[in-house]
Amino acid sequence: MKKLTVKTLFNEKGKEFKLDVLTGQERLGNKFITSYDIFRPGLALAGYTDYFLGERIVVIGKTEVAFLKTLKQSVKSRRIAKIIRMIKPCIIVSENLSVDRKIFDEAKRQKLPLLRTSVSTTPFIHRLTAYLDYKLAPTKYLQGTLVDIYGVGALLIGKPGTGKSECALDLIERGHRFVVDDLVKIMQRGGMIIGSGAEKSERLRHHIEIRGVGLVDMYRLFGVKSVRRRKRIEVVIELVLWDDVQGDFERIGIQRKTKTILGVEIPRYVVPLTPGKNISVIAEVIAMHHLLELRGINPAGEYDRELKRVLRHMETPSIHYDEDIE
């Protein structure tokens, strides 16, 4: 499970989110955020805590502040103390609202980070959720080359020496866009698989290794139109040496293969390599074929249905010859 500290949140987004630390400054690095969901404690303040989601960041807005003013002091003190004991990461008060003294004192006593922002509650929750969704997204690394072909993210995979980088170079020369070569960072966000390259340094981005040449800077060679930072992966193209072929390849395309990446199934095409085969053109055809299927057009399925219809109604054909007239 991925996690980040409240200190990381404050350091990276404190200025943008207009955050101030009221209590718990010394514990920011020891409090971990493990969920991108946000918890509003209205029901808990009303006394029901059976399903209290303490692993989430708690956001207090106008509704909670107004409700606390309706409670008797003894009831309010008891409920606040119980809630703060259950909170693991931190509390954030929105809209620069005045913090109830009991919340401040109890958070300080239990060394729970208490922060405040001037941003309105709903916009703040949306921005915070988007940030946490990115930071906590499931991530892995795959060896391959990622290119954008006609708007379709195609991940080229295969053993070293199968020509993934050379294929990508040819595709970029043909007007397509390059994302990353060799090591692809994969993130799963909202059921989509996103691929990207190095994030720590702009100078490390968009380089490709060509055997016999070395590292090539695609951005400087082909310009800004030839590269992009990240791309959703929609198809996987696996390059396989002919000598490594095991069994028959799919000839019609009715039975679609898939590759599961971070729990998401991606259409997978296995392309055998033989001398003279133009892999770049095949990659373009795969991308266009995928676009057709997104529109509900399935050439293999249509061909299969039509062939079966013809065979069902076909009688013994009479032999005849058609004259070829142009």
Protein backbone atom coordinates (compact mmCIF):
# COMPACT_ATOMS: atom_id res chain seq x y z
CA MET A 1 0.00 0.00 0.00
CA LYS A 2 1.35 3.42 -0.97
CA LYS A 3 1.38 6.19 1.61
CA LEU A 4 2.69 9.69 2.15
CA THR A 5 3.21 11.81 5.21
CA VAL A 6 1.28 14.92 6.17
CA LYS A 7 4.64 16.70 5.97
CA THR A 8 4.93 15.77 2.29
CA LEU A 9 1.43 17.12 1.66
CA PHE A 10 2.31 20.38 3.43
CA ASN A 11 5.68 20.79 1.70
CA GLU A 12 4.33 20.06 -1.80
CA LYS A 13 0.92 21.71 -1.63
CA GLY A 14 0.97 23.98 1.41
CA LYS A 15 1.37 27.15 -0.64
CA GLU A 16 -1.12 26.17 -3.35
CA PHE A 17 -3.73 24.96 -0.83
CA LYS A 18 -3.00 27.93 1.49
CA LEU A 19 -2.38 25.67 4.47
CA ASP A 20 -1.30 26.77 7.95
CA VAL A 21 -0.29 24.39 10.73
CA LEU A 22 -2.07 25.14 14.01
CA THR A 23 -0.93 22.17 16.09
CA GLY A 24 1.17 19.02 15.71
CA GLN A 25 4.03 20.59 13.73
CA GLU A 26 6.46 18.09 15.24
CA ARG A 27 4.35 15.09 14.14
CA LEU A 28 3.82 15.99 10.47
CA GLY A 29 6.47 13.51 9.37
CA ASN A 30 5.03 10.68 11.50
CA LYS A 31 1.43 10.87 10.35
CA PHE A 32 0.70 8.85 7.21
CA ILE A 33 -2.02 9.29 4.60
CA THR A 34 -3.09 6.01 2.98
CA SER A 35 -6.40 6.94 1.30
CA TYR A 36 -7.29 9.58 -1.25
CA ASP A 37 -10.86 9.76 0.09
CA ILE A 38 -11.80 12.61 2.44
CA PHE A 39 -13.97 12.19 5.54
CA ARG A 40 -16.52 14.73 6.79
CA PRO A 41 -17.25 14.01 10.48
CA GLY A 42 -20.80 15.34 10.70
CA LEU A 43 -22.38 12.01 11.66
CA ALA A 44 -19.56 11.28 14.11
CA LEU A 45 -20.08 14.62 15.83
CA ALA A 46 -23.74 13.64 16.17
CA GLY A 47 -22.61 10.64 18.18
CA TYR A 48 -22.49 7.77 15.66
CA THR A 49 -18.95 6.45 15.25
CA ASP A 50 -19.45 2.75 14.43
CA TYR A 51 -18.13 3.24 10.89
CA PHE A 52 -15.70 6.05 11.53
CA LEU A 53 -13.06 6.14 8.76
CA GLY A 54 -10.07 7.20 10.80
CA GLU A 55 -7.46 6.48 8.10
CA ARG A 56 -8.78 9.38 6.00
CA ILE A 57 -8.02 13.08 6.28
CA VAL A 58 -10.83 14.76 8.21
CA VAL A 59 -12.11 18.07 6.77
CA ILE A 60 -14.21 20.36 8.93
CA GLY A 61 -16.31 23.00 7.20
CA LYS A 62 -19.15 25.39 7.99
CA THR A 63 -21.65 22.57 8.58
CA GLU A 64 -19.55 20.92 11.29
CA VAL A 65 -18.64 24.23 12.95
CA ALA A 66 -22.29 25.31 13.04
CA PHE A 67 -23.39 21.95 14.43
CA LEU A 68 -20.81 22.07 17.25
CA LYS A 69 -22.33 25.34 18.45
CA THR A 70 -25.63 23.55 19.09
CA LEU A 71 -24.13 20.98 21.47
CA LYS A 72 -23.79 21.26 25.22
CA GLN A 73 -20.24 21.76 26.38
CA SER A 74 -20.00 18.37 28.12
CA VAL A 75 -21.39 16.48 25.13
CA LYS A 76 -19.18 18.39 22.70
CA SER A 77 -16.04 17.75 24.74
CA ARG A 78 -16.74 14.03 24.98
CA ARG A 79 -17.45 13.58 21.28
CA ILE A 80 -14.49 15.66 20.10
CA ALA A 81 -12.10 13.76 22.36
CA LYS A 82 -13.39 10.43 21.06
CA ILE A 83 -13.16 11.49 17.41
CA ILE A 84 -9.64 12.89 17.64
CA ARG A 85 -8.43 9.65 19.23
CA MET A 86 -9.67 7.80 16.12
CA ILE A 87 -8.11 10.10 13.51
CA LYS A 88 -4.78 8.84 12.13
CA PRO A 89 -3.47 11.46 9.63
CA CYS A 90 -4.75 14.98 10.38
CA ILE A 91 -7.64 17.45 10.55
CA ILE A 92 -8.01 20.33 8.11
CA VAL A 93 -10.39 23.22 8.80
CA SER A 94 -11.56 25.03 5.66
CA GLU A 95 -12.50 28.64 4.86
CA ASN A 96 -10.34 30.06 7.68
CA LEU A 97 -13.09 29.16 10.13
CA SER A 98 -12.52 29.68 13.83
CA VAL A 99 -11.41 26.41 15.38
CA ASP A 100 -13.42 25.28 18.36
CA ARG A 101 -11.23 25.56 21.46
CA LYS A 102 -11.94 21.97 22.42
CA ILE A 103 -10.72 20.72 19.02
CA PHE A 104 -7.57 22.82 19.31
CA ASP A 105 -6.78 21.71 22.85
CA GLU A 106 -7.52 18.02 22.23
CA ALA A 107 -5.50 17.93 18.99
CA LYS A 108 -2.59 19.61 20.77
CA ARG A 109 -2.82 17.19 23.68
CA GLN A 110 -2.81 14.14 21.41
CA LYS A 111 -0.21 15.71 19.07
CA LEU A 112 -2.51 15.36 16.08
CA PRO A 113 -1.71 17.75 13.20
CA LEU A 114 -4.41 20.40 12.89
CA LEU A 115 -4.25 22.52 9.76
CA ARG A 116 -6.36 25.32 8.33
CA THR A 117 -6.93 26.62 4.81
CA SER A 118 -8.64 29.71 3.44
CA VAL A 119 -10.02 27.75 0.46
CA SER A 120 -13.76 26.98 0.44
CA THR A 121 -14.69 23.47 1.55
CA THR A 122 -15.93 21.88 -1.68
CA PRO A 123 -13.21 23.25 -4.02
CA PHE A 124 -10.58 22.35 -1.44
CA ILE A 125 -11.82 18.75 -1.17
CA HIS A 126 -11.79 18.38 -4.97
CA ARG A 127 -8.22 19.68 -5.25
CA LEU A 128 -6.98 17.65 -2.30
CA THR A 129 -8.62 14.47 -3.62
CA ALA A 130 -7.05 14.94 -7.07
CA TYR A 131 -3.60 15.40 -5.50
CA LEU A 132 -3.93 12.35 -3.23
CA ASP A 133 -5.33 10.24 -6.07
CA TYR A 134 -2.17 10.96 -8.05
CA LYS A 135 0.25 10.45 -5.16
CA LEU A 136 -1.38 7.23 -3.90
CA ALA A 137 -2.16 5.65 -7.27
CA PRO A 138 -0.92 2.04 -7.65
CA THR A 139 2.41 2.15 -9.49
CA LYS A 140 4.82 -0.28 -11.12
CA TYR A 141 7.62 -0.19 -13.70
CA LEU A 142 7.77 -2.16 -16.95
CA GLN A 143 10.52 -2.52 -19.50
CA GLY A 144 9.29 -1.35 -22.88
CA THR A 145 8.71 1.63 -25.14
CA LEU A 146 5.59 3.81 -25.08
CA VAL A 147 4.43 5.76 -28.15
CA ASP A 148 1.30 7.64 -29.15
CA ILE A 149 0.03 6.36 -32.51
CA TYR A 150 -2.96 8.27 -33.90
CA GLY A 151 -3.90 9.14 -30.32
CA VAL A 152 -3.69 5.51 -29.16
CA GLY A 153 -1.13 4.76 -26.45
CA ALA A 154 0.82 1.69 -27.61
CA LEU A 155 3.23 -0.05 -25.27
CA LEU A 156 5.89 -2.02 -27.16
CA ILE A 157 7.28 -4.93 -25.14
CA GLY A 158 9.56 -7.87 -25.91
CA LYS A 159 12.97 -9.30 -25.22
CA PRO A 160 16.05 -7.05 -25.59
CA GLY A 161 17.10 -6.85 -29.21
CA THR A 162 13.63 -7.24 -30.73
CA GLY A 163 13.71 -3.69 -32.09
CA LYS A 164 11.31 -1.82 -29.81
CA SER A 165 13.36 1.39 -29.82
CA GLU A 166 14.01 1.25 -33.57
CA CYS A 167 10.28 0.78 -34.19
CA ALA A 168 9.52 3.79 -32.00
CA LEU A 169 12.11 5.85 -33.88
CA ASP A 170 10.50 4.96 -37.20
CA LEU A 171 7.04 5.83 -35.84
CA ILE A 172 8.24 9.25 -34.67
CA GLU A 173 9.78 9.83 -38.11
CA ARG A 174 6.33 9.06 -39.54
CA GLY A 175 4.73 11.80 -37.40
CA HIS A 176 3.69 9.98 -34.24
CA ARG A 177 4.67 10.95 -30.69
CA PHE A 178 7.21 9.49 -28.28
CA VAL A 179 6.62 9.11 -24.52
CA VAL A 180 9.36 6.96 -22.98
CA ASP A 181 11.88 4.27 -23.82
CA ASP A 182 13.35 1.42 -21.77
CA LEU A 183 11.70 1.93 -18.35
CA VAL A 184 8.02 2.89 -18.30
CA LYS A 185 6.39 4.11 -15.10
CA ILE A 186 2.86 2.70 -14.95
CA MET A 187 0.08 4.21 -12.82
CA GLN A 188 -3.49 3.00 -12.42
CA ARG A 189 -5.92 5.90 -12.04
CA GLY A 190 -9.67 5.59 -12.28
CA GLY A 191 -9.45 2.25 -14.06
CA MET A 192 -7.04 3.65 -16.65
CA ILE A 193 -3.37 2.73 -17.08
CA ILE A 194 -1.13 5.78 -17.54
CA GLY A 195 2.47 5.49 -18.74
CA SER A 196 5.19 8.10 -18.26
CA GLY A 197 8.95 8.47 -17.97
CA ALA A 198 11.41 10.17 -15.63
CA GLU A 199 9.83 12.86 -13.47
CA LYS A 200 12.79 14.05 -11.42
CA SER A 201 14.55 15.88 -14.25
CA GLU A 202 13.36 17.38 -17.52
CA ARG A 203 16.76 16.66 -19.06
CA LEU A 204 16.28 12.92 -18.58
CA ARG A 205 13.00 12.84 -20.48
CA HIS A 206 12.48 11.75 -24.07
CA HIS A 207 15.78 9.99 -24.70
CA ILE A 208 15.89 6.79 -26.70
CA GLU A 209 18.72 4.28 -27.06
CA ILE A 210 19.55 3.14 -30.58
CA ARG A 211 22.09 0.32 -30.79
CA GLY A 212 25.13 1.47 -32.73
CA VAL A 213 24.26 5.14 -32.18
CA GLY A 214 23.69 5.57 -28.44
CA LEU A 215 21.30 7.87 -26.61
CA VAL A 216 19.29 10.21 -28.82
CA ASP A 217 17.33 13.26 -27.59
CA MET A 218 14.00 13.01 -29.42
CA TYR A 219 12.78 16.41 -28.22
CA ARG A 220 15.74 18.26 -29.70
CA LEU A 221 15.85 16.22 -32.89
CA PHE A 222 12.15 16.19 -33.80
CA GLY A 223 10.69 19.09 -31.80
CA VAL A 224 7.95 19.56 -29.25
CA LYS A 225 5.26 18.08 -31.53
CA SER A 226 6.99 14.69 -31.46
CA VAL A 227 6.91 14.06 -27.69
CA ARG A 228 4.52 14.03 -24.77
CA ARG A 229 4.96 13.59 -21.01
CA ARG A 230 2.50 10.76 -20.41
CA LYS A 231 -0.13 8.73 -22.24
CA ARG A 232 -2.89 6.32 -21.42
CA ILE A 233 -1.89 2.79 -22.48
CA GLU A 234 -4.65 1.31 -24.66
CA VAL A 235 -2.89 -1.51 -26.50
CA VAL A 236 0.16 -3.70 -25.83
CA ILE A 237 2.24 -4.81 -28.82
CA GLU A 238 4.53 -7.71 -27.98
CA LEU A 239 7.39 -8.32 -30.41
CA VAL A 240 8.44 -11.97 -30.51
CA LEU A 241 11.37 -13.51 -32.39
CA TRP A 242 10.20 -16.16 -34.85
CA ASP A 243 12.54 -18.73 -33.30
CA ASP A 244 10.73 -18.22 -29.98
CA VAL A 245 7.31 -18.85 -31.47
CA GLN A 246 5.36 -21.50 -29.58
CA GLY A 247 2.16 -22.78 -31.17
CA ASP A 248 0.10 -21.06 -33.85
CA PHE A 249 -0.55 -17.34 -33.95
CA GLU A 250 -4.05 -15.93 -34.11
CA ARG A 251 -4.86 -15.67 -37.82
CA ILE A 252 -8.35 -14.16 -37.74
CA GLY A 253 -8.42 -12.11 -34.55
CA ILE A 254 -11.67 -13.42 -33.08
CA GLN A 255 -10.05 -14.50 -29.84
CA ARG A 256 -8.49 -11.34 -28.44
CA LYS A 257 -5.51 -11.67 -26.11
CA THR A 258 -5.08 -9.34 -23.15
CA LYS A 259 -2.35 -8.34 -20.73
CA THR A 260 -3.28 -7.49 -17.16
CA ILE A 261 -1.47 -4.46 -15.76
CA LEU A 262 -2.28 -3.35 -12.21
CA GLY A 263 -5.59 -5.19 -12.39
CA VAL A 264 -6.67 -3.69 -15.73
CA GLU A 265 -6.90 -5.83 -18.88
CA ILE A 266 -5.30 -4.23 -21.96
CA PRO A 267 -5.70 -5.62 -25.51
CA ARG A 268 -2.49 -7.45 -26.45
CA TYR A 269 -1.17 -8.16 -29.94
CA VAL A 270 1.68 -10.64 -30.43
CA VAL A 271 3.67 -9.84 -33.58
CA PRO A 272 6.24 -12.42 -34.81
CA LEU A 273 9.42 -10.92 -36.24
CA THR A 274 10.67 -12.10 -39.61
CA PRO A 275 13.16 -10.49 -42.05
CA GLY A 276 11.58 -7.68 -44.06
CA LYS A 277 8.49 -7.27 -41.87
CA ASN A 278 7.53 -3.59 -41.44
CA ILE A 279 6.72 -3.42 -37.72
CA SER A 280 6.00 0.33 -37.82
CA VAL A 281 3.20 -0.09 -40.36
CA ILE A 282 1.80 -3.03 -38.39
CA ALA A 283 1.82 -0.88 -35.24
CA GLU A 284 -0.11 1.82 -37.11
CA VAL A 285 -2.64 -0.75 -38.31
CA ILE A 286 -3.08 -2.04 -34.75
CA ALA A 287 -3.77 1.51 -33.52
CA MET A 288 -6.30 2.18 -36.30
CA HIS A 289 -7.89 -1.23 -35.73
CA HIS A 290 -8.30 -0.36 -32.06
CA LEU A 291 -9.97 2.92 -32.98
CA LEU A 292 -12.42 1.00 -35.18
CA GLU A 293 -13.24 -1.37 -32.34
CA LEU A 294 -13.92 1.60 -30.05
CA ARG A 295 -16.61 2.59 -32.55
CA GLY A 296 -18.15 -0.86 -32.33
CA ILE A 297 -16.69 -2.16 -35.60
CA ASN A 298 -15.24 -5.66 -35.36
CA PRO A 299 -13.89 -6.78 -38.77
CA ALA A 300 -13.02 -10.31 -37.60
CA GLY A 301 -16.45 -10.85 -36.07
CA GLU A 302 -18.22 -9.49 -39.16
CA TYR A 303 -16.13 -11.65 -41.47
CA ASP A 304 -16.81 -14.74 -39.38
CA ARG A 305 -20.57 -14.15 -39.32
CA GLU A 306 -20.74 -13.48 -43.05
CA LEU A 307 -18.65 -16.55 -43.89
CA LYS A 308 -20.90 -18.76 -41.77
CA ARG A 309 -23.99 -17.29 -43.45
CA VAL A 310 -22.57 -18.00 -46.91
CA LEU A 311 -21.63 -21.56 -45.99
CA ARG A 312 -25.09 -22.26 -44.59
CA HIS A 313 -26.82 -21.20 -47.81
CA MET A 314 -24.23 -22.31 -50.33
CA GLU A 315 -25.14 -25.05 -52.80
CA THR A 316 -22.65 -27.00 -54.86
CA PRO A 317 -21.16 -24.26 -57.01
CA SER A 318 -21.12 -24.58 -60.77
CA ILE A 319 -17.71 -24.04 -62.33
CA HIS A 320 -17.60 -20.86 -64.38
CA TYR A 321 -15.10 -18.24 -65.31
CA ASP A 322 -15.62 -14.50 -65.13
CA GLU A 323 -14.16 -12.51 -67.95
CA ASP A 324 -11.83 -9.81 -66.69
CA ILE A 325 -12.96 -6.66 -68.50
CA GLU A 326 -11.42 -3.33 -67.54
